[in-house]
Amino acid sequence: GRGVLSLYSADQNADDISIENVLRQ
């Protein structure tokens, strides 16, 4: 859980919820 949340900080587009970006995530 903590590791997944930490990946947020390494993602330049973490809050982008477009289908393309979420598929990449």
PDBML (XML) file of the C-alpha atoms, coordinates in Angstrom:
<?xml version="1.0" encoding="UTF-8" ?>
<PDBx:datablock datablockName="MODEL"
   xmlns:PDBx="http://pdbml.pdb.org/schema/pdbx-v50.xsd"
   xmlns:xsi="http://www.w3.org/2001/XMLSchema-instance"
   xsi:schemaLocation="http://pdbml.pdb.org/schema/pdbx-v50.xsd pdbx-v50.xsd">
   <PDBx:atom_siteCategory>
      <PDBx:atom_site id="1">
         <PDBx:B_iso_or_equiv>0.00</PDBx:B_iso_or_equiv>
         <PDBx:Cartn_x>0.000</PDBx:Cartn_x>
         <PDBx:Cartn_y>0.000</PDBx:Cartn_y>
         <PDBx:Cartn_z>0.000</PDBx:Cartn_z>
         <PDBx:auth_asym_id>A</PDBx:auth_asym_id>
         <PDBx:auth_atom_id>CA</PDBx:auth_atom_id>
         <PDBx:auth_comp_id>GLY</PDBx:auth_comp_id>
         <PDBx:auth_seq_id>1</PDBx:auth_seq_id>
         <PDBx:group_PDB>ATOM</PDBx:group_PDB>
         <PDBx:label_alt_id xsi:nil="true" />
         <PDBx:label_asym_id>A</PDBx:label_asym_id>
         <PDBx:label_atom_id>CA</PDBx:label_atom_id>
         <PDBx:label_comp_id>GLY</PDBx:label_comp_id>
         <PDBx:label_entity_id>1</PDBx:label_entity_id>
         <PDBx:label_seq_id>1</PDBx:label_seq_id>
         <PDBx:occupancy>1.00</PDBx:occupancy>
         <PDBx:pdbx_PDB_model_num>1</PDBx:pdbx_PDB_model_num>
         <PDBx:type_symbol>C</PDBx:type_symbol>
      </PDBx:atom_site>
      <PDBx:atom_site id="2">
         <PDBx:B_iso_or_equiv>0.00</PDBx:B_iso_or_equiv>
         <PDBx:Cartn_x>2.743</PDBx:Cartn_x>
         <PDBx:Cartn_y>2.434</PDBx:Cartn_y>
         <PDBx:Cartn_z>0.952</PDBx:Cartn_z>
         <PDBx:auth_asym_id>A</PDBx:auth_asym_id>
         <PDBx:auth_atom_id>CA</PDBx:auth_atom_id>
         <PDBx:auth_comp_id>ARG</PDBx:auth_comp_id>
         <PDBx:auth_seq_id>2</PDBx:auth_seq_id>
         <PDBx:group_PDB>ATOM</PDBx:group_PDB>
         <PDBx:label_alt_id xsi:nil="true" />
         <PDBx:label_asym_id>A</PDBx:label_asym_id>
         <PDBx:label_atom_id>CA</PDBx:label_atom_id>
         <PDBx:label_comp_id>ARG</PDBx:label_comp_id>
         <PDBx:label_entity_id>1</PDBx:label_entity_id>
         <PDBx:label_seq_id>2</PDBx:label_seq_id>
         <PDBx:occupancy>1.00</PDBx:occupancy>
         <PDBx:pdbx_PDB_model_num>1</PDBx:pdbx_PDB_model_num>
         <PDBx:type_symbol>C</PDBx:type_symbol>
      </PDBx:atom_site>
      <PDBx:atom_site id="3">
         <PDBx:B_iso_or_equiv>0.00</PDBx:B_iso_or_equiv>
         <PDBx:Cartn_x>4.822</PDBx:Cartn_x>
         <PDBx:Cartn_y>1.474</PDBx:Cartn_y>
         <PDBx:Cartn_z>-2.094</PDBx:Cartn_z>
         <PDBx:auth_asym_id>A</PDBx:auth_asym_id>
         <PDBx:auth_atom_id>CA</PDBx:auth_atom_id>
         <PDBx:auth_comp_id>GLY</PDBx:auth_comp_id>
         <PDBx:auth_seq_id>3</PDBx:auth_seq_id>
         <PDBx:group_PDB>ATOM</PDBx:group_PDB>
         <PDBx:label_alt_id xsi:nil="true" />
         <PDBx:label_asym_id>A</PDBx:label_asym_id>
         <PDBx:label_atom_id>CA</PDBx:label_atom_id>
         <PDBx:label_comp_id>GLY</PDBx:label_comp_id>
         <PDBx:label_entity_id>1</PDBx:label_entity_id>
         <PDBx:label_seq_id>3</PDBx:label_seq_id>
         <PDBx:occupancy>1.00</PDBx:occupancy>
         <PDBx:pdbx_PDB_model_num>1</PDBx:pdbx_PDB_model_num>
         <PDBx:type_symbol>C</PDBx:type_symbol>
      </PDBx:atom_site>
      <PDBx:atom_site id="4">
         <PDBx:B_iso_or_equiv>0.00</PDBx:B_iso_or_equiv>
         <PDBx:Cartn_x>1.945</PDBx:Cartn_x>
         <PDBx:Cartn_y>2.055</PDBx:Cartn_y>
         <PDBx:Cartn_z>-4.503</PDBx:Cartn_z>
         <PDBx:auth_asym_id>A</PDBx:auth_asym_id>
         <PDBx:auth_atom_id>CA</PDBx:auth_atom_id>
         <PDBx:auth_comp_id>VAL</PDBx:auth_comp_id>
         <PDBx:auth_seq_id>4</PDBx:auth_seq_id>
         <PDBx:group_PDB>ATOM</PDBx:group_PDB>
         <PDBx:label_alt_id xsi:nil="true" />
         <PDBx:label_asym_id>A</PDBx:label_asym_id>
         <PDBx:label_atom_id>CA</PDBx:label_atom_id>
         <PDBx:label_comp_id>VAL</PDBx:label_comp_id>
         <PDBx:label_entity_id>1</PDBx:label_entity_id>
         <PDBx:label_seq_id>4</PDBx:label_seq_id>
         <PDBx:occupancy>1.00</PDBx:occupancy>
         <PDBx:pdbx_PDB_model_num>1</PDBx:pdbx_PDB_model_num>
         <PDBx:type_symbol>C</PDBx:type_symbol>
      </PDBx:atom_site>
      <PDBx:atom_site id="5">
         <PDBx:B_iso_or_equiv>0.00</PDBx:B_iso_or_equiv>
         <PDBx:Cartn_x>1.238</PDBx:Cartn_x>
         <PDBx:Cartn_y>5.444</PDBx:Cartn_y>
         <PDBx:Cartn_z>-2.936</PDBx:Cartn_z>
         <PDBx:auth_asym_id>A</PDBx:auth_asym_id>
         <PDBx:auth_atom_id>CA</PDBx:auth_atom_id>
         <PDBx:auth_comp_id>LEU</PDBx:auth_comp_id>
         <PDBx:auth_seq_id>5</PDBx:auth_seq_id>
         <PDBx:group_PDB>ATOM</PDBx:group_PDB>
         <PDBx:label_alt_id xsi:nil="true" />
         <PDBx:label_asym_id>A</PDBx:label_asym_id>
         <PDBx:label_atom_id>CA</PDBx:label_atom_id>
         <PDBx:label_comp_id>LEU</PDBx:label_comp_id>
         <PDBx:label_entity_id>1</PDBx:label_entity_id>
         <PDBx:label_seq_id>5</PDBx:label_seq_id>
         <PDBx:occupancy>1.00</PDBx:occupancy>
         <PDBx:pdbx_PDB_model_num>1</PDBx:pdbx_PDB_model_num>
         <PDBx:type_symbol>C</PDBx:type_symbol>
      </PDBx:atom_site>
      <PDBx:atom_site id="6">
         <PDBx:B_iso_or_equiv>0.00</PDBx:B_iso_or_equiv>
         <PDBx:Cartn_x>4.923</PDBx:Cartn_x>
         <PDBx:Cartn_y>6.353</PDBx:Cartn_y>
         <PDBx:Cartn_z>-3.178</PDBx:Cartn_z>
         <PDBx:auth_asym_id>A</PDBx:auth_asym_id>
         <PDBx:auth_atom_id>CA</PDBx:auth_atom_id>
         <PDBx:auth_comp_id>SER</PDBx:auth_comp_id>
         <PDBx:auth_seq_id>6</PDBx:auth_seq_id>
         <PDBx:group_PDB>ATOM</PDBx:group_PDB>
         <PDBx:label_alt_id xsi:nil="true" />
         <PDBx:label_asym_id>A</PDBx:label_asym_id>
         <PDBx:label_atom_id>CA</PDBx:label_atom_id>
         <PDBx:label_comp_id>SER</PDBx:label_comp_id>
         <PDBx:label_entity_id>1</PDBx:label_entity_id>
         <PDBx:label_seq_id>6</PDBx:label_seq_id>
         <PDBx:occupancy>1.00</PDBx:occupancy>
         <PDBx:pdbx_PDB_model_num>1</PDBx:pdbx_PDB_model_num>
         <PDBx:type_symbol>C</PDBx:type_symbol>
      </PDBx:atom_site>
      <PDBx:atom_site id="7">
         <PDBx:B_iso_or_equiv>0.00</PDBx:B_iso_or_equiv>
         <PDBx:Cartn_x>4.794</PDBx:Cartn_x>
         <PDBx:Cartn_y>5.756</PDBx:Cartn_y>
         <PDBx:Cartn_z>-6.944</PDBx:Cartn_z>
         <PDBx:auth_asym_id>A</PDBx:auth_asym_id>
         <PDBx:auth_atom_id>CA</PDBx:auth_atom_id>
         <PDBx:auth_comp_id>LEU</PDBx:auth_comp_id>
         <PDBx:auth_seq_id>7</PDBx:auth_seq_id>
         <PDBx:group_PDB>ATOM</PDBx:group_PDB>
         <PDBx:label_alt_id xsi:nil="true" />
         <PDBx:label_asym_id>A</PDBx:label_asym_id>
         <PDBx:label_atom_id>CA</PDBx:label_atom_id>
         <PDBx:label_comp_id>LEU</PDBx:label_comp_id>
         <PDBx:label_entity_id>1</PDBx:label_entity_id>
         <PDBx:label_seq_id>7</PDBx:label_seq_id>
         <PDBx:occupancy>1.00</PDBx:occupancy>
         <PDBx:pdbx_PDB_model_num>1</PDBx:pdbx_PDB_model_num>
         <PDBx:type_symbol>C</PDBx:type_symbol>
      </PDBx:atom_site>
      <PDBx:atom_site id="8">
         <PDBx:B_iso_or_equiv>0.00</PDBx:B_iso_or_equiv>
         <PDBx:Cartn_x>2.520</PDBx:Cartn_x>
         <PDBx:Cartn_y>8.802</PDBx:Cartn_y>
         <PDBx:Cartn_z>-7.085</PDBx:Cartn_z>
         <PDBx:auth_asym_id>A</PDBx:auth_asym_id>
         <PDBx:auth_atom_id>CA</PDBx:auth_atom_id>
         <PDBx:auth_comp_id>TYR</PDBx:auth_comp_id>
         <PDBx:auth_seq_id>8</PDBx:auth_seq_id>
         <PDBx:group_PDB>ATOM</PDBx:group_PDB>
         <PDBx:label_alt_id xsi:nil="true" />
         <PDBx:label_asym_id>A</PDBx:label_asym_id>
         <PDBx:label_atom_id>CA</PDBx:label_atom_id>
         <PDBx:label_comp_id>TYR</PDBx:label_comp_id>
         <PDBx:label_entity_id>1</PDBx:label_entity_id>
         <PDBx:label_seq_id>8</PDBx:label_seq_id>
         <PDBx:occupancy>1.00</PDBx:occupancy>
         <PDBx:pdbx_PDB_model_num>1</PDBx:pdbx_PDB_model_num>
         <PDBx:type_symbol>C</PDBx:type_symbol>
      </PDBx:atom_site>
      <PDBx:atom_site id="9">
         <PDBx:B_iso_or_equiv>0.00</PDBx:B_iso_or_equiv>
         <PDBx:Cartn_x>5.474</PDBx:Cartn_x>
         <PDBx:Cartn_y>11.038</PDBx:Cartn_y>
         <PDBx:Cartn_z>-6.282</PDBx:Cartn_z>
         <PDBx:auth_asym_id>A</PDBx:auth_asym_id>
         <PDBx:auth_atom_id>CA</PDBx:auth_atom_id>
         <PDBx:auth_comp_id>SER</PDBx:auth_comp_id>
         <PDBx:auth_seq_id>9</PDBx:auth_seq_id>
         <PDBx:group_PDB>ATOM</PDBx:group_PDB>
         <PDBx:label_alt_id xsi:nil="true" />
         <PDBx:label_asym_id>A</PDBx:label_asym_id>
         <PDBx:label_atom_id>CA</PDBx:label_atom_id>
         <PDBx:label_comp_id>SER</PDBx:label_comp_id>
         <PDBx:label_entity_id>1</PDBx:label_entity_id>
         <PDBx:label_seq_id>9</PDBx:label_seq_id>
         <PDBx:occupancy>1.00</PDBx:occupancy>
         <PDBx:pdbx_PDB_model_num>1</PDBx:pdbx_PDB_model_num>
         <PDBx:type_symbol>C</PDBx:type_symbol>
      </PDBx:atom_site>
      <PDBx:atom_site id="10">
         <PDBx:B_iso_or_equiv>0.00</PDBx:B_iso_or_equiv>
         <PDBx:Cartn_x>7.483</PDBx:Cartn_x>
         <PDBx:Cartn_y>9.550</PDBx:Cartn_y>
         <PDBx:Cartn_z>-9.169</PDBx:Cartn_z>
         <PDBx:auth_asym_id>A</PDBx:auth_asym_id>
         <PDBx:auth_atom_id>CA</PDBx:auth_atom_id>
         <PDBx:auth_comp_id>ALA</PDBx:auth_comp_id>
         <PDBx:auth_seq_id>10</PDBx:auth_seq_id>
         <PDBx:group_PDB>ATOM</PDBx:group_PDB>
         <PDBx:label_alt_id xsi:nil="true" />
         <PDBx:label_asym_id>A</PDBx:label_asym_id>
         <PDBx:label_atom_id>CA</PDBx:label_atom_id>
         <PDBx:label_comp_id>ALA</PDBx:label_comp_id>
         <PDBx:label_entity_id>1</PDBx:label_entity_id>
         <PDBx:label_seq_id>10</PDBx:label_seq_id>
         <PDBx:occupancy>1.00</PDBx:occupancy>
         <PDBx:pdbx_PDB_model_num>1</PDBx:pdbx_PDB_model_num>
         <PDBx:type_symbol>C</PDBx:type_symbol>
      </PDBx:atom_site>
      <PDBx:atom_site id="11">
         <PDBx:B_iso_or_equiv>0.00</PDBx:B_iso_or_equiv>
         <PDBx:Cartn_x>4.701</PDBx:Cartn_x>
         <PDBx:Cartn_y>10.132</PDBx:Cartn_y>
         <PDBx:Cartn_z>-11.715</PDBx:Cartn_z>
         <PDBx:auth_asym_id>A</PDBx:auth_asym_id>
         <PDBx:auth_atom_id>CA</PDBx:auth_atom_id>
         <PDBx:auth_comp_id>ASP</PDBx:auth_comp_id>
         <PDBx:auth_seq_id>11</PDBx:auth_seq_id>
         <PDBx:group_PDB>ATOM</PDBx:group_PDB>
         <PDBx:label_alt_id xsi:nil="true" />
         <PDBx:label_asym_id>A</PDBx:label_asym_id>
         <PDBx:label_atom_id>CA</PDBx:label_atom_id>
         <PDBx:label_comp_id>ASP</PDBx:label_comp_id>
         <PDBx:label_entity_id>1</PDBx:label_entity_id>
         <PDBx:label_seq_id>11</PDBx:label_seq_id>
         <PDBx:occupancy>1.00</PDBx:occupancy>
         <PDBx:pdbx_PDB_model_num>1</PDBx:pdbx_PDB_model_num>
         <PDBx:type_symbol>C</PDBx:type_symbol>
      </PDBx:atom_site>
      <PDBx:atom_site id="12">
         <PDBx:B_iso_or_equiv>0.00</PDBx:B_iso_or_equiv>
         <PDBx:Cartn_x>4.682</PDBx:Cartn_x>
         <PDBx:Cartn_y>13.468</PDBx:Cartn_y>
         <PDBx:Cartn_z>-13.547</PDBx:Cartn_z>
         <PDBx:auth_asym_id>A</PDBx:auth_asym_id>
         <PDBx:auth_atom_id>CA</PDBx:auth_atom_id>
         <PDBx:auth_comp_id>GLN</PDBx:auth_comp_id>
         <PDBx:auth_seq_id>12</PDBx:auth_seq_id>
         <PDBx:group_PDB>ATOM</PDBx:group_PDB>
         <PDBx:label_alt_id xsi:nil="true" />
         <PDBx:label_asym_id>A</PDBx:label_asym_id>
         <PDBx:label_atom_id>CA</PDBx:label_atom_id>
         <PDBx:label_comp_id>GLN</PDBx:label_comp_id>
         <PDBx:label_entity_id>1</PDBx:label_entity_id>
         <PDBx:label_seq_id>12</PDBx:label_seq_id>
         <PDBx:occupancy>1.00</PDBx:occupancy>
         <PDBx:pdbx_PDB_model_num>1</PDBx:pdbx_PDB_model_num>
         <PDBx:type_symbol>C</PDBx:type_symbol>
      </PDBx:atom_site>
      <PDBx:atom_site id="13">
         <PDBx:B_iso_or_equiv>0.00</PDBx:B_iso_or_equiv>
         <PDBx:Cartn_x>1.035</PDBx:Cartn_x>
         <PDBx:Cartn_y>12.940</PDBx:Cartn_y>
         <PDBx:Cartn_z>-14.519</PDBx:Cartn_z>
         <PDBx:auth_asym_id>A</PDBx:auth_asym_id>
         <PDBx:auth_atom_id>CA</PDBx:auth_atom_id>
         <PDBx:auth_comp_id>ASN</PDBx:auth_comp_id>
         <PDBx:auth_seq_id>13</PDBx:auth_seq_id>
         <PDBx:group_PDB>ATOM</PDBx:group_PDB>
         <PDBx:label_alt_id xsi:nil="true" />
         <PDBx:label_asym_id>A</PDBx:label_asym_id>
         <PDBx:label_atom_id>CA</PDBx:label_atom_id>
         <PDBx:label_comp_id>ASN</PDBx:label_comp_id>
         <PDBx:label_entity_id>1</PDBx:label_entity_id>
         <PDBx:label_seq_id>13</PDBx:label_seq_id>
         <PDBx:occupancy>1.00</PDBx:occupancy>
         <PDBx:pdbx_PDB_model_num>1</PDBx:pdbx_PDB_model_num>
         <PDBx:type_symbol>C</PDBx:type_symbol>
      </PDBx:atom_site>
      <PDBx:atom_site id="14">
         <PDBx:B_iso_or_equiv>0.00</PDBx:B_iso_or_equiv>
         <PDBx:Cartn_x>-0.198</PDBx:Cartn_x>
         <PDBx:Cartn_y>11.211</PDBx:Cartn_y>
         <PDBx:Cartn_z>-11.391</PDBx:Cartn_z>
         <PDBx:auth_asym_id>A</PDBx:auth_asym_id>
         <PDBx:auth_atom_id>CA</PDBx:auth_atom_id>
         <PDBx:auth_comp_id>ALA</PDBx:auth_comp_id>
         <PDBx:auth_seq_id>14</PDBx:auth_seq_id>
         <PDBx:group_PDB>ATOM</PDBx:group_PDB>
         <PDBx:label_alt_id xsi:nil="true" />
         <PDBx:label_asym_id>A</PDBx:label_asym_id>
         <PDBx:label_atom_id>CA</PDBx:label_atom_id>
         <PDBx:label_comp_id>ALA</PDBx:label_comp_id>
         <PDBx:label_entity_id>1</PDBx:label_entity_id>
         <PDBx:label_seq_id>14</PDBx:label_seq_id>
         <PDBx:occupancy>1.00</PDBx:occupancy>
         <PDBx:pdbx_PDB_model_num>1</PDBx:pdbx_PDB_model_num>
         <PDBx:type_symbol>C</PDBx:type_symbol>
      </PDBx:atom_site>
      <PDBx:atom_site id="15">
         <PDBx:B_iso_or_equiv>0.00</PDBx:B_iso_or_equiv>
         <PDBx:Cartn_x>-3.586</PDBx:Cartn_x>
         <PDBx:Cartn_y>12.982</PDBx:Cartn_y>
         <PDBx:Cartn_z>-11.242</PDBx:Cartn_z>
         <PDBx:auth_asym_id>A</PDBx:auth_asym_id>
         <PDBx:auth_atom_id>CA</PDBx:auth_atom_id>
         <PDBx:auth_comp_id>ASP</PDBx:auth_comp_id>
         <PDBx:auth_seq_id>15</PDBx:auth_seq_id>
         <PDBx:group_PDB>ATOM</PDBx:group_PDB>
         <PDBx:label_alt_id xsi:nil="true" />
         <PDBx:label_asym_id>A</PDBx:label_asym_id>
         <PDBx:label_atom_id>CA</PDBx:label_atom_id>
         <PDBx:label_comp_id>ASP</PDBx:label_comp_id>
         <PDBx:label_entity_id>1</PDBx:label_entity_id>
         <PDBx:label_seq_id>15</PDBx:label_seq_id>
         <PDBx:occupancy>1.00</PDBx:occupancy>
         <PDBx:pdbx_PDB_model_num>1</PDBx:pdbx_PDB_model_num>
         <PDBx:type_symbol>C</PDBx:type_symbol>
      </PDBx:atom_site>
      <PDBx:atom_site id="16">
         <PDBx:B_iso_or_equiv>0.00</PDBx:B_iso_or_equiv>
         <PDBx:Cartn_x>-4.442</PDBx:Cartn_x>
         <PDBx:Cartn_y>12.676</PDBx:Cartn_y>
         <PDBx:Cartn_z>-14.936</PDBx:Cartn_z>
         <PDBx:auth_asym_id>A</PDBx:auth_asym_id>
         <PDBx:auth_atom_id>CA</PDBx:auth_atom_id>
         <PDBx:auth_comp_id>ASP</PDBx:auth_comp_id>
         <PDBx:auth_seq_id>16</PDBx:auth_seq_id>
         <PDBx:group_PDB>ATOM</PDBx:group_PDB>
         <PDBx:label_alt_id xsi:nil="true" />
         <PDBx:label_asym_id>A</PDBx:label_asym_id>
         <PDBx:label_atom_id>CA</PDBx:label_atom_id>
         <PDBx:label_comp_id>ASP</PDBx:label_comp_id>
         <PDBx:label_entity_id>1</PDBx:label_entity_id>
         <PDBx:label_seq_id>16</PDBx:label_seq_id>
         <PDBx:occupancy>1.00</PDBx:occupancy>
         <PDBx:pdbx_PDB_model_num>1</PDBx:pdbx_PDB_model_num>
         <PDBx:type_symbol>C</PDBx:type_symbol>
      </PDBx:atom_site>
      <PDBx:atom_site id="17">
         <PDBx:B_iso_or_equiv>0.00</PDBx:B_iso_or_equiv>
         <PDBx:Cartn_x>-7.416</PDBx:Cartn_x>
         <PDBx:Cartn_y>10.283</PDBx:Cartn_y>
         <PDBx:Cartn_z>-15.128</PDBx:Cartn_z>
         <PDBx:auth_asym_id>A</PDBx:auth_asym_id>
         <PDBx:auth_atom_id>CA</PDBx:auth_atom_id>
         <PDBx:auth_comp_id>ILE</PDBx:auth_comp_id>
         <PDBx:auth_seq_id>17</PDBx:auth_seq_id>
         <PDBx:group_PDB>ATOM</PDBx:group_PDB>
         <PDBx:label_alt_id xsi:nil="true" />
         <PDBx:label_asym_id>A</PDBx:label_asym_id>
         <PDBx:label_atom_id>CA</PDBx:label_atom_id>
         <PDBx:label_comp_id>ILE</PDBx:label_comp_id>
         <PDBx:label_entity_id>1</PDBx:label_entity_id>
         <PDBx:label_seq_id>17</PDBx:label_seq_id>
         <PDBx:occupancy>1.00</PDBx:occupancy>
         <PDBx:pdbx_PDB_model_num>1</PDBx:pdbx_PDB_model_num>
         <PDBx:type_symbol>C</PDBx:type_symbol>
      </PDBx:atom_site>
      <PDBx:atom_site id="18">
         <PDBx:B_iso_or_equiv>0.00</PDBx:B_iso_or_equiv>
         <PDBx:Cartn_x>-7.645</PDBx:Cartn_x>
         <PDBx:Cartn_y>10.111</PDBx:Cartn_y>
         <PDBx:Cartn_z>-18.917</PDBx:Cartn_z>
         <PDBx:auth_asym_id>A</PDBx:auth_asym_id>
         <PDBx:auth_atom_id>CA</PDBx:auth_atom_id>
         <PDBx:auth_comp_id>SER</PDBx:auth_comp_id>
         <PDBx:auth_seq_id>18</PDBx:auth_seq_id>
         <PDBx:group_PDB>ATOM</PDBx:group_PDB>
         <PDBx:label_alt_id xsi:nil="true" />
         <PDBx:label_asym_id>A</PDBx:label_asym_id>
         <PDBx:label_atom_id>CA</PDBx:label_atom_id>
         <PDBx:label_comp_id>SER</PDBx:label_comp_id>
         <PDBx:label_entity_id>1</PDBx:label_entity_id>
         <PDBx:label_seq_id>18</PDBx:label_seq_id>
         <PDBx:occupancy>1.00</PDBx:occupancy>
         <PDBx:pdbx_PDB_model_num>1</PDBx:pdbx_PDB_model_num>
         <PDBx:type_symbol>C</PDBx:type_symbol>
      </PDBx:atom_site>
      <PDBx:atom_site id="19">
         <PDBx:B_iso_or_equiv>0.00</PDBx:B_iso_or_equiv>
         <PDBx:Cartn_x>-7.963</PDBx:Cartn_x>
         <PDBx:Cartn_y>6.548</PDBx:Cartn_y>
         <PDBx:Cartn_z>-20.188</PDBx:Cartn_z>
         <PDBx:auth_asym_id>A</PDBx:auth_asym_id>
         <PDBx:auth_atom_id>CA</PDBx:auth_atom_id>
         <PDBx:auth_comp_id>ILE</PDBx:auth_comp_id>
         <PDBx:auth_seq_id>19</PDBx:auth_seq_id>
         <PDBx:group_PDB>ATOM</PDBx:group_PDB>
         <PDBx:label_alt_id xsi:nil="true" />
         <PDBx:label_asym_id>A</PDBx:label_asym_id>
         <PDBx:label_atom_id>CA</PDBx:label_atom_id>
         <PDBx:label_comp_id>ILE</PDBx:label_comp_id>
         <PDBx:label_entity_id>1</PDBx:label_entity_id>
         <PDBx:label_seq_id>19</PDBx:label_seq_id>
         <PDBx:occupancy>1.00</PDBx:occupancy>
         <PDBx:pdbx_PDB_model_num>1</PDBx:pdbx_PDB_model_num>
         <PDBx:type_symbol>C</PDBx:type_symbol>
      </PDBx:atom_site>
      <PDBx:atom_site id="20">
         <PDBx:B_iso_or_equiv>0.00</PDBx:B_iso_or_equiv>
         <PDBx:Cartn_x>-4.602</PDBx:Cartn_x>
         <PDBx:Cartn_y>6.739</PDBx:Cartn_y>
         <PDBx:Cartn_z>-21.950</PDBx:Cartn_z>
         <PDBx:auth_asym_id>A</PDBx:auth_asym_id>
         <PDBx:auth_atom_id>CA</PDBx:auth_atom_id>
         <PDBx:auth_comp_id>GLU</PDBx:auth_comp_id>
         <PDBx:auth_seq_id>20</PDBx:auth_seq_id>
         <PDBx:group_PDB>ATOM</PDBx:group_PDB>
         <PDBx:label_alt_id xsi:nil="true" />
         <PDBx:label_asym_id>A</PDBx:label_asym_id>
         <PDBx:label_atom_id>CA</PDBx:label_atom_id>
         <PDBx:label_comp_id>GLU</PDBx:label_comp_id>
         <PDBx:label_entity_id>1</PDBx:label_entity_id>
         <PDBx:label_seq_id>20</PDBx:label_seq_id>
         <PDBx:occupancy>1.00</PDBx:occupancy>
         <PDBx:pdbx_PDB_model_num>1</PDBx:pdbx_PDB_model_num>
         <PDBx:type_symbol>C</PDBx:type_symbol>
      </PDBx:atom_site>
      <PDBx:atom_site id="21">
         <PDBx:B_iso_or_equiv>0.00</PDBx:B_iso_or_equiv>
         <PDBx:Cartn_x>-2.783</PDBx:Cartn_x>
         <PDBx:Cartn_y>7.853</PDBx:Cartn_y>
         <PDBx:Cartn_z>-18.813</PDBx:Cartn_z>
         <PDBx:auth_asym_id>A</PDBx:auth_asym_id>
         <PDBx:auth_atom_id>CA</PDBx:auth_atom_id>
         <PDBx:auth_comp_id>ASN</PDBx:auth_comp_id>
         <PDBx:auth_seq_id>21</PDBx:auth_seq_id>
         <PDBx:group_PDB>ATOM</PDBx:group_PDB>
         <PDBx:label_alt_id xsi:nil="true" />
         <PDBx:label_asym_id>A</PDBx:label_asym_id>
         <PDBx:label_atom_id>CA</PDBx:label_atom_id>
         <PDBx:label_comp_id>ASN</PDBx:label_comp_id>
         <PDBx:label_entity_id>1</PDBx:label_entity_id>
         <PDBx:label_seq_id>21</PDBx:label_seq_id>
         <PDBx:occupancy>1.00</PDBx:occupancy>
         <PDBx:pdbx_PDB_model_num>1</PDBx:pdbx_PDB_model_num>
         <PDBx:type_symbol>C</PDBx:type_symbol>
      </PDBx:atom_site>
      <PDBx:atom_site id="22">
         <PDBx:B_iso_or_equiv>0.00</PDBx:B_iso_or_equiv>
         <PDBx:Cartn_x>-4.580</PDBx:Cartn_x>
         <PDBx:Cartn_y>5.409</PDBx:Cartn_y>
         <PDBx:Cartn_z>-16.495</PDBx:Cartn_z>
         <PDBx:auth_asym_id>A</PDBx:auth_asym_id>
         <PDBx:auth_atom_id>CA</PDBx:auth_atom_id>
         <PDBx:auth_comp_id>VAL</PDBx:auth_comp_id>
         <PDBx:auth_seq_id>22</PDBx:auth_seq_id>
         <PDBx:group_PDB>ATOM</PDBx:group_PDB>
         <PDBx:label_alt_id xsi:nil="true" />
         <PDBx:label_asym_id>A</PDBx:label_asym_id>
         <PDBx:label_atom_id>CA</PDBx:label_atom_id>
         <PDBx:label_comp_id>VAL</PDBx:label_comp_id>
         <PDBx:label_entity_id>1</PDBx:label_entity_id>
         <PDBx:label_seq_id>22</PDBx:label_seq_id>
         <PDBx:occupancy>1.00</PDBx:occupancy>
         <PDBx:pdbx_PDB_model_num>1</PDBx:pdbx_PDB_model_num>
         <PDBx:type_symbol>C</PDBx:type_symbol>
      </PDBx:atom_site>
      <PDBx:atom_site id="23">
         <PDBx:B_iso_or_equiv>0.00</PDBx:B_iso_or_equiv>
         <PDBx:Cartn_x>-3.796</PDBx:Cartn_x>
         <PDBx:Cartn_y>2.546</PDBx:Cartn_y>
         <PDBx:Cartn_z>-18.880</PDBx:Cartn_z>
         <PDBx:auth_asym_id>A</PDBx:auth_asym_id>
         <PDBx:auth_atom_id>CA</PDBx:auth_atom_id>
         <PDBx:auth_comp_id>LEU</PDBx:auth_comp_id>
         <PDBx:auth_seq_id>23</PDBx:auth_seq_id>
         <PDBx:group_PDB>ATOM</PDBx:group_PDB>
         <PDBx:label_alt_id xsi:nil="true" />
         <PDBx:label_asym_id>A</PDBx:label_asym_id>
         <PDBx:label_atom_id>CA</PDBx:label_atom_id>
         <PDBx:label_comp_id>LEU</PDBx:label_comp_id>
         <PDBx:label_entity_id>1</PDBx:label_entity_id>
         <PDBx:label_seq_id>23</PDBx:label_seq_id>
         <PDBx:occupancy>1.00</PDBx:occupancy>
         <PDBx:pdbx_PDB_model_num>1</PDBx:pdbx_PDB_model_num>
         <PDBx:type_symbol>C</PDBx:type_symbol>
      </PDBx:atom_site>
      <PDBx:atom_site id="24">
         <PDBx:B_iso_or_equiv>0.00</PDBx:B_iso_or_equiv>
         <PDBx:Cartn_x>-0.126</PDBx:Cartn_x>
         <PDBx:Cartn_y>3.554</PDBx:Cartn_y>
         <PDBx:Cartn_z>-18.759</PDBx:Cartn_z>
         <PDBx:auth_asym_id>A</PDBx:auth_asym_id>
         <PDBx:auth_atom_id>CA</PDBx:auth_atom_id>
         <PDBx:auth_comp_id>ARG</PDBx:auth_comp_id>
         <PDBx:auth_seq_id>24</PDBx:auth_seq_id>
         <PDBx:group_PDB>ATOM</PDBx:group_PDB>
         <PDBx:label_alt_id xsi:nil="true" />
         <PDBx:label_asym_id>A</PDBx:label_asym_id>
         <PDBx:label_atom_id>CA</PDBx:label_atom_id>
         <PDBx:label_comp_id>ARG</PDBx:label_comp_id>
         <PDBx:label_entity_id>1</PDBx:label_entity_id>
         <PDBx:label_seq_id>24</PDBx:label_seq_id>
         <PDBx:occupancy>1.00</PDBx:occupancy>
         <PDBx:pdbx_PDB_model_num>1</PDBx:pdbx_PDB_model_num>
         <PDBx:type_symbol>C</PDBx:type_symbol>
      </PDBx:atom_site>
      <PDBx:atom_site id="25">
         <PDBx:B_iso_or_equiv>0.00</PDBx:B_iso_or_equiv>
         <PDBx:Cartn_x>-0.275</PDBx:Cartn_x>
         <PDBx:Cartn_y>3.650</PDBx:Cartn_y>
         <PDBx:Cartn_z>-14.951</PDBx:Cartn_z>
         <PDBx:auth_asym_id>A</PDBx:auth_asym_id>
         <PDBx:auth_atom_id>CA</PDBx:auth_atom_id>
         <PDBx:auth_comp_id>GLN</PDBx:auth_comp_id>
         <PDBx:auth_seq_id>25</PDBx:auth_seq_id>
         <PDBx:group_PDB>ATOM</PDBx:group_PDB>
         <PDBx:label_alt_id xsi:nil="true" />
         <PDBx:label_asym_id>A</PDBx:label_asym_id>
         <PDBx:label_atom_id>CA</PDBx:label_atom_id>
         <PDBx:label_comp_id>GLN</PDBx:label_comp_id>
         <PDBx:label_entity_id>1</PDBx:label_entity_id>
         <PDBx:label_seq_id>25</PDBx:label_seq_id>
         <PDBx:occupancy>1.00</PDBx:occupancy>
         <PDBx:pdbx_PDB_model_num>1</PDBx:pdbx_PDB_model_num>
         <PDBx:type_symbol>C</PDBx:type_symbol>
      </PDBx:atom_site>
   </PDBx:atom_siteCategory>
</PDBx:datablock>
